[in-house]
C-alpha atoms as a PDB file:
ATOM      1  CA  MET A   1     -19.959  68.765  67.556  1.00  0.00           C
ATOM      2  CA  PRO A   2     -17.832  66.313  69.596  1.00  0.00           C
ATOM      3  CA  ASN A   3     -14.784  67.861  71.208  1.00  0.00           C
ATOM      4  CA  PHE A   4     -12.130  66.886  68.656  1.00  0.00           C
ATOM      5  CA  PRO A   5      -8.698  68.483  69.071  1.00  0.00           C
ATOM      6  CA  VAL A   6      -7.520  71.089  66.586  1.00  0.00           C
ATOM      7  CA  PRO A   7      -4.728  69.676  64.397  1.00  0.00           C
ATOM      8  CA  ASP A   8      -1.361  71.343  63.997  1.00  0.00           C
ATOM      9  CA  PRO A   9      -2.148  73.733  61.116  1.00  0.00           C
ATOM     10  CA  VAL A  10       1.162  73.074  59.365  1.00  0.00           C
ATOM     11  CA  ALA A  11       1.468  69.298  59.876  1.00  0.00           C
ATOM     12  CA  LYS A  12       0.899  67.571  56.544  1.00  0.00           C
ATOM     13  CA  ARG A  13      -1.740  64.865  56.190  1.00  0.00           C
ATOM     14  CA  PRO A  14      -2.883  62.570  53.355  1.00  0.00           C
ATOM     15  CA  PHE A  15      -5.057  64.199  50.714  1.00  0.00           C
ATOM     16  CA  GLY A  16      -7.559  61.372  50.505  1.00  0.00           C
ATOM     17  CA  ARG A  17      -6.137  58.479  48.507  1.00  0.00           C
ATOM     18  CA  THR A  18      -4.185  60.606  46.043  1.00  0.00           C
ATOM     19  CA  GLY A  19      -0.752  60.088  47.588  1.00  0.00           C
ATOM     20  CA  LEU A  20      -0.390  63.844  48.051  1.00  0.00           C
ATOM     21  CA  THR A  21       0.114  65.350  51.504  1.00  0.00           C
ATOM     22  CA  VAL A  22      -1.222  68.793  52.393  1.00  0.00           C
ATOM     23  CA  THR A  23      -1.530  71.088  55.375  1.00  0.00           C
ATOM     24  CA  PRO A  24      -4.900  71.471  57.151  1.00  0.00           C
ATOM     25  CA  ILE A  25      -4.925  75.075  55.928  1.00  0.00           C
ATOM     26  CA  CYS A  26      -5.031  75.818  52.214  1.00  0.00           C
ATOM     27  CA  VAL A  27      -4.569  79.357  50.890  1.00  0.00           C
ATOM     28  CA  GLY A  28      -7.497  80.438  48.723  1.00  0.00           C
ATOM     29  CA  CYS A  29      -6.425  82.642  45.825  1.00  0.00           C
ATOM     30  CA  ALA A  30      -9.805  83.858  44.571  1.00  0.00           C
ATOM     31  CA  PRO A  31      -9.370  87.390  45.967  1.00  0.00           C
ATOM     32  CA  LEU A  32      -5.870  87.534  44.478  1.00  0.00           C
ATOM     33  CA  GLY A  33      -7.580  87.527  41.078  1.00  0.00           C
ATOM     34  CA  ASN A  34      -8.807  91.049  41.849  1.00  0.00           C
ATOM     35  CA  MET A  35     -12.556  90.405  41.974  1.00  0.00           C
ATOM     36  CA  PRO A  36     -14.200  93.502  43.490  1.00  0.00           C
ATOM     37  CA  GLU A  37     -17.578  92.483  42.099  1.00  0.00           C
ATOM     38  CA  THR A  38     -17.417  89.374  44.308  1.00  0.00           C
ATOM     39  CA  PHE A  39     -15.527  90.497  47.400  1.00  0.00           C
ATOM     40  CA  ALA A  40     -16.309  94.249  47.401  1.00  0.00           C
ATOM     41  CA  TYR A  41     -12.603  95.126  47.437  1.00  0.00           C
ATOM     42  CA  SER A  42      -9.702  95.101  44.987  1.00  0.00           C
ATOM     43  CA  VAL A  43      -6.256  93.545  45.283  1.00  0.00           C
ATOM     44  CA  ALA A  44      -3.439  95.254  43.390  1.00  0.00           C
ATOM     45  CA  GLU A  45      -1.006  93.053  41.504  1.00  0.00           C
ATOM     46  CA  GLU A  46       2.003  94.085  43.588  1.00  0.00           C
ATOM     47  CA  ASN A  47       0.202  93.110  46.783  1.00  0.00           C
ATOM     48  CA  ALA A  48      -1.011  89.832  45.272  1.00  0.00           C
ATOM     49  CA  LEU A  49       2.488  88.866  44.121  1.00  0.00           C
ATOM     50  CA  ALA A  50       3.938  89.633  47.554  1.00  0.00           C
ATOM     51  CA  THR A  51       1.273  87.428  49.131  1.00  0.00           C
ATOM     52  CA  ILE A  52       1.962  84.553  46.740  1.00  0.00           C
ATOM     53  CA  ARG A  53       5.695  84.800  47.404  1.00  0.00           C
ATOM     54  CA  ALA A  54       4.983  84.653  51.139  1.00  0.00           C
ATOM     55  CA  ILE A  55       2.856  81.537  50.678  1.00  0.00           C
ATOM     56  CA  PHE A  56       5.628  79.680  48.861  1.00  0.00           C
ATOM     57  CA  THR A  57       8.084  80.348  51.696  1.00  0.00           C
ATOM     58  CA  SER A  58       5.593  79.490  54.439  1.00  0.00           C
ATOM     59  CA  PRO A  59       4.833  76.198  56.213  1.00  0.00           C
ATOM     60  CA  ILE A  60       1.430  76.099  54.479  1.00  0.00           C
ATOM     61  CA  ASN A  61       2.043  73.921  51.431  1.00  0.00           C
ATOM     62  CA  PHE A  62      -1.358  73.997  49.693  1.00  0.00           C
ATOM     63  CA  ILE A  63      -2.882  76.714  47.508  1.00  0.00           C
ATOM     64  CA  ASP A  64      -6.136  76.776  45.574  1.00  0.00           C
ATOM     65  CA  THR A  65      -7.192  78.822  42.555  1.00  0.00           C
ATOM     66  CA  ALA A  66      -9.511  78.512  39.537  1.00  0.00           C
ATOM     67  CA  ALA A  67      -9.708  79.469  35.889  1.00  0.00           C
ATOM     68  CA  SER A  68     -12.659  81.722  36.719  1.00  0.00           C
ATOM     69  CA  TYR A  69     -10.967  83.751  39.466  1.00  0.00           C
ATOM     70  CA  GLY A  70     -10.579  87.099  37.782  1.00  0.00           C
ATOM     71  CA  ASP A  71     -11.126  85.192  34.515  1.00  0.00           C
ATOM     72  CA  GLY A  72      -7.547  83.926  34.671  1.00  0.00           C
ATOM     73  CA  GLU A  73      -5.975  86.761  36.655  1.00  0.00           C
ATOM     74  CA  SER A  74      -5.426  84.697  39.809  1.00  0.00           C
ATOM     75  CA  GLU A  75      -3.682  81.960  37.817  1.00  0.00           C
ATOM     76  CA  ARG A  76      -1.641  84.533  35.886  1.00  0.00           C
ATOM     77  CA  ARG A  77      -0.359  86.106  39.095  1.00  0.00           C
ATOM     78  CA  ILE A  78       0.478  82.724  40.624  1.00  0.00           C
ATOM     79  CA  GLY A  79       2.202  81.729  37.391  1.00  0.00           C
ATOM     80  CA  LYS A  80       4.314  84.878  37.468  1.00  0.00           C
ATOM     81  CA  VAL A  81       5.678  83.914  40.879  1.00  0.00           C
ATOM     82  CA  LEU A  82       6.126  80.266  39.877  1.00  0.00           C
ATOM     83  CA  ARG A  83       8.263  81.380  36.945  1.00  0.00           C
ATOM     84  CA  GLU A  84      10.401  83.432  39.344  1.00  0.00           C
ATOM     85  CA  LEU A  85      10.829  80.309  41.478  1.00  0.00           C
ATOM     86  CA  GLY A  86      11.502  77.985  38.574  1.00  0.00           C
ATOM     87  CA  GLY A  87       8.287  76.019  39.085  1.00  0.00           C
ATOM     88  CA  ILE A  88       6.293  74.775  42.050  1.00  0.00           C
ATOM     89  CA  PRO A  89       8.689  74.509  45.002  1.00  0.00           C
ATOM     90  CA  THR A  90       9.291  70.993  46.279  1.00  0.00           C
ATOM     91  CA  GLY A  91       6.617  69.883  48.717  1.00  0.00           C
ATOM     92  CA  TYR A  92       3.966  72.401  47.657  1.00  0.00           C
ATOM     93  CA  VAL A  93       0.663  71.534  45.999  1.00  0.00           C
ATOM     94  CA  VAL A  94      -1.244  73.794  43.607  1.00  0.00           C
ATOM     95  CA  ALA A  95      -4.896  73.083  42.815  1.00  0.00           C
ATOM     96  CA  THR A  96      -7.014  74.790  40.182  1.00  0.00           C
ATOM     97  CA  LYS A  97     -10.437  74.344  38.617  1.00  0.00           C
ATOM     98  CA  ALA A  98     -11.770  73.965  35.085  1.00  0.00           C
ATOM     99  CA  ASP A  99     -14.523  76.466  34.339  1.00  0.00           C
ATOM    100  CA  ARG A 100     -17.226  77.387  31.916  1.00  0.00           C
ATOM    101  CA  ASN A 101     -16.615  80.327  29.596  1.00  0.00           C
ATOM    102  CA  LEU A 102     -17.600  83.320  31.715  1.00  0.00           C
ATOM    103  CA  GLN A 103     -18.663  85.366  28.699  1.00  0.00           C
ATOM    104  CA  THR A 104     -20.764  82.799  26.824  1.00  0.00           C
ATOM    105  CA  GLY A 105     -21.631  80.253  29.524  1.00  0.00           C
ATOM    106  CA  ASP A 106     -20.183  77.453  27.372  1.00  0.00           C
ATOM    107  CA  PHE A 107     -19.687  74.402  29.616  1.00  0.00           C
ATOM    108  CA  SER A 108     -18.940  71.873  26.889  1.00  0.00           C
ATOM    109  CA  GLY A 109     -16.225  69.262  26.767  1.00  0.00           C
ATOM    110  CA  ASP A 110     -14.286  71.430  24.322  1.00  0.00           C
ATOM    111  CA  GLN A 111     -14.496  74.322  26.782  1.00  0.00           C
ATOM    112  CA  MET A 112     -13.079  72.138  29.549  1.00  0.00           C
ATOM    113  CA  ARG A 113     -10.063  71.348  27.402  1.00  0.00           C
ATOM    114  CA  ARG A 114      -9.629  75.030  26.566  1.00  0.00           C
ATOM    115  CA  SER A 115      -9.930  75.931  30.251  1.00  0.00           C
ATOM    116  CA  VAL A 116      -7.297  73.397  31.307  1.00  0.00           C
ATOM    117  CA  GLU A 117      -4.942  74.419  28.497  1.00  0.00           C
ATOM    118  CA  ARG A 118      -5.229  78.077  29.499  1.00  0.00           C
ATOM    119  CA  SER A 119      -4.597  77.189  33.155  1.00  0.00           C
ATOM    120  CA  LEU A 120      -1.444  75.323  32.190  1.00  0.00           C
ATOM    121  CA  ARG A 121      -0.273  78.290  30.135  1.00  0.00           C
ATOM    122  CA  LEU A 122      -1.032  80.901  32.803  1.00  0.00           C
ATOM    123  CA  LEU A 123       0.477  78.859  35.622  1.00  0.00           C
ATOM    124  CA  GLY A 124       3.478  77.868  33.491  1.00  0.00           C
ATOM    125  CA  LEU A 125       2.978  74.149  34.164  1.00  0.00           C
ATOM    126  CA  ASP A 126       2.862  71.036  32.006  1.00  0.00           C
ATOM    127  CA  ARG A 127       0.411  69.224  34.273  1.00  0.00           C
ATOM    128  CA  LEU A 128      -1.983  69.994  37.121  1.00  0.00           C
ATOM    129  CA  ASP A 129      -1.595  68.366  40.546  1.00  0.00           C
ATOM    130  CA  ILE A 130      -5.317  68.731  41.259  1.00  0.00           C
ATOM    131  CA  CYS A 131      -8.040  70.023  38.963  1.00  0.00           C
ATOM    132  CA  TYR A 132     -11.701  70.307  39.908  1.00  0.00           C
ATOM    133  CA  LEU A 133     -14.817  70.389  37.786  1.00  0.00           C
ATOM    134  CA  HIS A 134     -15.961  73.808  38.965  1.00  0.00           C
ATOM    135  CA  ASP A 135     -19.501  75.025  39.628  1.00  0.00           C
ATOM    136  CA  PRO A 136     -21.318  72.356  37.615  1.00  0.00           C
ATOM    137  CA  GLU A 137     -24.609  73.766  38.918  1.00  0.00           C
ATOM    138  CA  HIS A 138     -24.535  76.176  35.978  1.00  0.00           C
ATOM    139  CA  ARG A 139     -25.639  73.417  33.577  1.00  0.00           C
ATOM    140  CA  PRO A 140     -27.891  70.344  33.924  1.00  0.00           C
ATOM    141  CA  PHE A 141     -26.289  67.263  35.457  1.00  0.00           C
ATOM    142  CA  GLU A 142     -27.216  65.229  32.379  1.00  0.00           C
ATOM    143  CA  GLU A 143     -25.391  67.662  30.106  1.00  0.00           C
ATOM    144  CA  ILE A 144     -22.228  67.797  32.222  1.00  0.00           C
ATOM    145  CA  THR A 145     -22.044  64.000  32.475  1.00  0.00           C
ATOM    146  CA  ALA A 146     -22.986  63.162  28.861  1.00  0.00           C
ATOM    147  CA  ARG A 147     -20.583  61.395  26.516  1.00  0.00           C
ATOM    148  CA  GLY A 148     -18.198  64.015  25.181  1.00  0.00           C
ATOM    149  CA  GLY A 149     -19.351  66.475  27.830  1.00  0.00           C
ATOM    150  CA  ALA A 150     -17.422  68.405  30.458  1.00  0.00           C
ATOM    151  CA  LEU A 151     -16.798  65.518  32.854  1.00  0.00           C
ATOM    152  CA  ASP A 152     -15.939  63.078  30.068  1.00  0.00           C
ATOM    153  CA  VAL A 153     -13.228  65.384  28.733  1.00  0.00           C
ATOM    154  CA  LEU A 154     -11.777  66.060  32.190  1.00  0.00           C
ATOM    155  CA  ARG A 155     -11.561  62.309  32.772  1.00  0.00           C
ATOM    156  CA  ARG A 156      -9.749  61.931  29.457  1.00  0.00           C
ATOM    157  CA  LEU A 157      -7.295  64.649  30.494  1.00  0.00           C
ATOM    158  CA  ALA A 158      -6.726  62.695  33.695  1.00  0.00           C
ATOM    159  CA  ASP A 159      -6.106  59.536  31.675  1.00  0.00           C
ATOM    160  CA  GLU A 160      -3.607  61.491  29.566  1.00  0.00           C
ATOM    161  CA  GLY A 161      -1.747  62.601  32.704  1.00  0.00           C
ATOM    162  CA  VAL A 162      -2.476  66.284  32.161  1.00  0.00           C
ATOM    163  CA  ILE A 163      -4.569  66.212  35.339  1.00  0.00           C
ATOM    164  CA  GLN A 164      -3.045  64.152  38.121  1.00  0.00           C
ATOM    165  CA  HIS A 165      -6.088  64.083  40.401  1.00  0.00           C
ATOM    166  CA  LEU A 166      -9.659  65.052  39.562  1.00  0.00           C
ATOM    167  CA  GLY A 167     -12.110  66.651  41.974  1.00  0.00           C
ATOM    168  CA  VAL A 168     -15.444  68.440  41.962  1.00  0.00           C
ATOM    169  CA  ALA A 169     -16.179  71.823  43.536  1.00  0.00           C
ATOM    170  CA  GLY A 170     -19.507  73.583  43.750  1.00  0.00           C
ATOM    171  CA  GLY A 171     -22.378  74.924  45.773  1.00  0.00           C
ATOM    172  CA  PRO A 172     -25.715  73.052  46.054  1.00  0.00           C
ATOM    173  CA  ILE A 173     -25.187  70.165  48.445  1.00  0.00           C
ATOM    174  CA  ASP A 174     -27.685  67.715  46.907  1.00  0.00           C
ATOM    175  CA  LEU A 175     -26.059  68.213  43.512  1.00  0.00           C
ATOM    176  CA  MET A 176     -22.557  67.838  44.895  1.00  0.00           C
ATOM    177  CA  MET A 177     -23.560  64.561  46.516  1.00  0.00           C
ATOM    178  CA  ARG A 178     -24.915  63.368  43.179  1.00  0.00           C
ATOM    179  CA  TYR A 179     -21.529  64.051  41.577  1.00  0.00           C
ATOM    180  CA  VAL A 180     -19.624  62.367  44.391  1.00  0.00           C
ATOM    181  CA  ASP A 181     -21.830  59.296  43.915  1.00  0.00           C
ATOM    182  CA  LEU A 182     -20.433  58.905  40.383  1.00  0.00           C
ATOM    183  CA  GLY A 183     -17.259  57.470  41.919  1.00  0.00           C
ATOM    184  CA  CYS A 184     -14.851  59.235  39.558  1.00  0.00           C
ATOM    185  CA  PHE A 185     -13.583  62.008  41.845  1.00  0.00           C
ATOM    186  CA  GLU A 186     -10.776  61.920  44.400  1.00  0.00           C
ATOM    187  CA  ALA A 187     -11.629  65.197  46.130  1.00  0.00           C
ATOM    188  CA  VAL A 188     -14.557  67.509  46.765  1.00  0.00           C
ATOM    189  CA  ILE A 189     -14.794  71.181  47.736  1.00  0.00           C
ATOM    190  CA  THR A 190     -17.777  72.725  49.462  1.00  0.00           C
ATOM    191  CA  HIS A 191     -17.863  76.466  50.114  1.00  0.00           C
ATOM    192  CA  ASN A 192     -19.726  78.708  52.561  1.00  0.00           C
ATOM    193  CA  ARG A 193     -21.920  75.789  53.633  1.00  0.00           C
ATOM    194  CA  TYR A 194     -20.025  74.570  56.668  1.00  0.00           C
ATOM    195  CA  THR A 195     -19.402  77.518  58.960  1.00  0.00           C
ATOM    196  CA  LEU A 196     -20.531  78.815  62.331  1.00  0.00           C
ATOM    197  CA  LEU A 197     -23.547  80.225  60.463  1.00  0.00           C
ATOM    198  CA  ASN A 198     -24.404  77.389  58.077  1.00  0.00           C
ATOM    199  CA  ARG A 199     -24.123  73.604  58.336  1.00  0.00           C
ATOM    200  CA  ASP A 200     -25.860  72.618  55.117  1.00  0.00           C
ATOM    201  CA  ALA A 201     -22.821  70.598  53.984  1.00  0.00           C
ATOM    202  CA  GLU A 202     -23.102  68.043  56.811  1.00  0.00           C
ATOM    203  CA  PRO A 203     -24.456  65.223  54.599  1.00  0.00           C
ATOM    204  CA  LEU A 204     -21.807  65.870  51.940  1.00  0.00           C
ATOM    205  CA  LEU A 205     -19.035  65.749  54.543  1.00  0.00           C
ATOM    206  CA  ASP A 206     -20.391  62.437  55.815  1.00  0.00           C
ATOM    207  CA  GLN A 207     -20.718  60.950  52.339  1.00  0.00           C
ATOM    208  CA  ALA A 208     -17.334  62.042  50.996  1.00  0.00           C
ATOM    209  CA  SER A 209     -15.481  61.093  54.166  1.00  0.00           C
ATOM    210  CA  ARG A 210     -17.106  57.656  54.168  1.00  0.00           C
ATOM    211  CA  LEU A 211     -15.999  57.117  50.545  1.00  0.00           C
ATOM    212  CA  GLY A 212     -12.424  58.137  51.300  1.00  0.00           C
ATOM    213  CA  LEU A 213     -12.379  61.360  49.293  1.00  0.00           C
ATOM    214  CA  ALA A 214     -10.281  64.328  50.292  1.00  0.00           C
ATOM    215  CA  VAL A 215     -12.755  66.884  51.674  1.00  0.00           C
ATOM    216  CA  VAL A 216     -11.927  70.572  51.386  1.00  0.00           C
ATOM    217  CA  ASN A 217     -14.012  73.186  53.178  1.00  0.00           C
ATOM    218  CA  ALA A 218     -13.770  76.636  51.642  1.00  0.00           C
ATOM    219  CA  ALA A 219     -14.720  79.992  53.122  1.00  0.00           C
ATOM    220  CA  PRO A 220     -14.900  79.205  56.871  1.00  0.00           C
ATOM    221  CA  TYR A 221     -15.472  82.934  57.405  1.00  0.00           C
ATOM    222  CA  GLY A 222     -18.510  82.963  55.125  1.00  0.00           C
ATOM    223  CA  SER A 223     -16.623  85.218  52.657  1.00  0.00           C
ATOM    224  CA  GLY A 224     -15.640  87.652  55.404  1.00  0.00           C
ATOM    225  CA  ILE A 225     -18.362  88.293  57.976  1.00  0.00           C
ATOM    226  CA  LEU A 226     -16.731  85.960  60.523  1.00  0.00           C
ATOM    227  CA  ALA A 227     -13.258  87.374  59.903  1.00  0.00           C
ATOM    228  CA  LYS A 228     -13.777  91.128  59.771  1.00  0.00           C
ATOM    229  CA  GLY A 229     -16.887  91.087  61.941  1.00  0.00           C
ATOM    230  CA  PRO A 230     -20.574  91.573  61.086  1.00  0.00           C
ATOM    231  CA  ASP A 231     -20.505  95.350  61.518  1.00  0.00           C
ATOM    232  CA  ALA A 232     -17.371  95.892  59.438  1.00  0.00           C
ATOM    233  CA  TYR A 233     -18.329  93.409  56.694  1.00  0.00           C
ATOM    234  CA  PRO A 234     -22.014  92.388  56.773  1.00  0.00           C
ATOM    235  CA  ARG A 235     -21.771  90.056  53.762  1.00  0.00           C
ATOM    236  CA  TYR A 236     -22.168  86.289  53.487  1.00  0.00           C
ATOM    237  CA  MET A 237     -21.538  84.108  50.455  1.00  0.00           C
ATOM    238  CA  TYR A 238     -20.404  87.149  48.423  1.00  0.00           C
ATOM    239  CA  ARG A 239     -23.571  89.187  48.872  1.00  0.00           C
ATOM    240  CA  ASP A 240     -25.216  91.358  51.497  1.00  0.00           C
ATOM    241  CA  ALA A 241     -26.160  89.181  54.462  1.00  0.00           C
ATOM    242  CA  PRO A 242     -29.786  89.092  55.649  1.00  0.00           C
ATOM    243  CA  PRO A 243     -30.423  90.916  58.955  1.00  0.00           C
ATOM    244  CA  ASP A 244     -31.049  87.738  60.955  1.00  0.00           C
ATOM    245  CA  LEU A 245     -27.721  86.255  59.886  1.00  0.00           C
ATOM    246  CA  VAL A 246     -25.891  89.482  60.754  1.00  0.00           C
ATOM    247  CA  GLU A 247     -27.507  89.392  64.194  1.00  0.00           C
ATOM    248  CA  ARG A 248     -26.470  85.772  64.710  1.00  0.00           C
ATOM    249  CA  ALA A 249     -22.891  86.734  63.810  1.00  0.00           C
ATOM    250  CA  ARG A 250     -23.044  89.562  66.350  1.00  0.00           C
ATOM    251  CA  ARG A 251     -24.144  87.133  69.069  1.00  0.00           C
ATOM    252  CA  LEU A 252     -21.268  84.787  68.235  1.00  0.00           C
ATOM    253  CA  GLN A 253     -18.859  87.719  68.267  1.00  0.00           C
ATOM    254  CA  SER A 254     -20.138  88.702  71.713  1.00  0.00           C
ATOM    255  CA  LEU A 255     -19.646  85.160  73.020  1.00  0.00           C
ATOM    256  CA  CYS A 256     -16.041  85.223  71.837  1.00  0.00           C
ATOM    257  CA  ALA A 257     -15.458  88.690  73.278  1.00  0.00           C
ATOM    258  CA  ARG A 258     -16.627  87.542  76.716  1.00  0.00           C
ATOM    259  CA  HIS A 259     -13.854  84.957  76.610  1.00  0.00           C
ATOM    260  CA  GLY A 260     -11.360  87.486  75.265  1.00  0.00           C
ATOM    261  CA  LEU A 261     -10.979  85.572  72.017  1.00  0.00           C
ATOM    262  CA  PRO A 262     -11.246  86.670  68.370  1.00  0.00           C
ATOM    263  CA  LEU A 263     -14.240  85.461  66.364  1.00  0.00           C
ATOM    264  CA  PRO A 264     -12.075  84.430  63.360  1.00  0.00           C
ATOM    265  CA  ALA A 265     -10.093  82.012  65.543  1.00  0.00           C
ATOM    266  CA  VAL A 266     -13.286  80.203  66.518  1.00  0.00           C
ATOM    267  CA  ALA A 267     -14.651  80.302  62.950  1.00  0.00           C
ATOM    268  CA  LEU A 268     -11.442  78.829  61.557  1.00  0.00           C
ATOM    269  CA  GLN A 269     -11.044  76.158  64.206  1.00  0.00           C
ATOM    270  CA  PHE A 270     -14.691  75.135  63.811  1.00  0.00           C
ATOM    271  CA  SER A 271     -13.632  73.775  60.418  1.00  0.00           C
ATOM    272  CA  LEU A 272     -10.132  72.617  61.330  1.00  0.00           C
ATOM    273  CA  ARG A 273     -11.271  70.452  64.238  1.00  0.00           C
ATOM    274  CA  ASP A 274     -13.731  68.447  62.116  1.00  0.00           C
ATOM    275  CA  PRO A 275     -12.052  65.093  61.334  1.00  0.00           C
ATOM    276  CA  ARG A 276     -14.046  64.741  58.102  1.00  0.00           C
ATOM    277  CA  ILE A 277     -12.310  67.791  56.616  1.00  0.00           C
ATOM    278  CA  THR A 278      -8.883  67.312  55.055  1.00  0.00           C
ATOM    279  CA  SER A 279      -8.062  70.979  54.508  1.00  0.00           C
ATOM    280  CA  THR A 280      -9.762  74.340  54.999  1.00  0.00           C
ATOM    281  CA  ILE A 281      -9.420  77.041  52.341  1.00  0.00           C
ATOM    282  CA  VAL A 282      -8.795  80.517  53.715  1.00  0.00           C
ATOM    283  CA  GLY A 283      -8.572  83.482  51.364  1.00  0.00           C
ATOM    284  CA  MET A 284      -5.576  85.738  51.931  1.00  0.00           C
ATOM    285  CA  THR A 285      -4.727  89.081  50.356  1.00  0.00           C
ATOM    286  CA  ARG A 286      -1.675  90.297  52.261  1.00  0.00           C
ATOM    287  CA  PRO A 287       1.616  88.560  53.108  1.00  0.00           C
ATOM    288  CA  GLU A 288       1.117  88.926  56.847  1.00  0.00           C
ATOM    289  CA  ARG A 289      -2.157  87.004  56.656  1.00  0.00           C
ATOM    290  CA  VAL A 290      -0.234  83.748  56.302  1.00  0.00           C
ATOM    291  CA  SER A 291       1.354  83.882  59.760  1.00  0.00           C
ATOM    292  CA  GLN A 292      -1.748  85.519  61.251  1.00  0.00           C
ATOM    293  CA  THR A 293      -3.897  82.620  60.053  1.00  0.00           C
ATOM    294  CA  ILE A 294      -1.516  80.086  61.570  1.00  0.00           C
ATOM    295  CA  ASP A 295      -1.690  82.022  64.835  1.00  0.00           C
ATOM    296  CA  LEU A 296      -5.516  81.958  64.740  1.00  0.00           C
ATOM    297  CA  ALA A 297      -5.404  78.194  64.205  1.00  0.00           C
ATOM    298  CA  ARG A 298      -3.174  77.823  67.278  1.00  0.00           C
ATOM    299  CA  THR A 299      -5.178  80.095  69.565  1.00  0.00           C
ATOM    300  CA  PRO A 300      -6.311  78.072  72.620  1.00  0.00           C
ATOM    301  CA  ILE A 301     -10.110  77.952  72.843  1.00  0.00           C
ATOM    302  CA  PRO A 302     -11.673  76.615  76.054  1.00  0.00           C
ATOM    303  CA  ASP A 303     -14.293  73.888  76.008  1.00  0.00           C
ATOM    304  CA  ALA A 304     -16.684  76.284  77.739  1.00  0.00           C
ATOM    305  CA  LEU A 305     -16.695  78.590  74.709  1.00  0.00           C
ATOM    306  CA  TRP A 306     -17.255  75.717  72.304  1.00  0.00           C
ATOM    307  CA  ALA A 307     -20.239  74.643  74.399  1.00  0.00           C
ATOM    308  CA  GLU A 308     -21.688  78.160  74.274  1.00  0.00           C
ATOM    309  CA  VAL A 309     -21.112  78.348  70.517  1.00  0.00           C
ATOM    310  CA  GLU A 310     -22.949  75.031  70.038  1.00  0.00           C
ATOM    311  CA  GLU A 311     -25.870  76.285  72.150  1.00  0.00           C
ATOM    312  CA  GLU A 312     -26.076  79.452  70.063  1.00  0.00           C
ATOM    313  CA  ILE A 313     -25.986  77.495  66.819  1.00  0.00           C
ATOM    314  CA  ALA A 314     -28.685  75.117  68.090  1.00  0.00           C
ATOM    315  CA  ARG A 315     -30.941  78.068  68.977  1.00  0.00           C
ATOM    316  CA  SER A 316     -30.528  79.495  65.489  1.00  0.00           C
ATOM    317  CA  ARG A 317     -31.565  76.352  63.637  1.00  0.00           C
END
């Protein structure tokens, strides 16, 4: 990667062409939905509420959740704090995602409307700043994009003003690029596919950036292995990591240690310094993580370490 400077993590920038401005760091609220089956740990409500309160008094102005996170629990907890505050504080942006029914798998247009209506109710809002079509890989592209289908209904909700800005968020890169090509989205989220351990999202970043979409990169720590370390948390993309990936993470950790720097600082800045990426989603589960993440983003990293990291990544390809 060219040697681009790391942006100020709390300086707002345009969110694509939406007119919104957001910080380069976005707080991911999936773990705040208490999802031990995904993250292998629980988050008590009291701790989640304290974290959300800390976010809304911090210089990070962007948070991200979804209808599916804890099957509504993340949104409910955020909504509880928003009611305490009397709504979204001025200058902050809340994004959520419309989801299939987790019990039945229903991904119909009617389900999208139900999902959005529940999100509004749980969050205590009358409209959504940003709403993404979430994980469309669970149904065929032709079904999602059919007349009266999931995308059609979300576009109608956007026309009605219920959704201010529509995005798409999912996993498989080829499929995500197919959705971006439709020309009806203002933002795209990729997750776990642009990290120190995986660069599969490169073509999507190029495509979306070229088209002027806001590009959001989620999970720069690969769901935790690059934050807690490969020995403490040998998981990637919400499952046990294969041995070769764990070993690669160990080598990267050793490189950082030789420079006296923390691996999560390098993993975070790898995403932040990419000019194609508008904002990077970082999951947080404790109030102190907000300031700690800002500190990681501001940690000076010498060019020599970046060069060694690139050599290690090149050897692993």
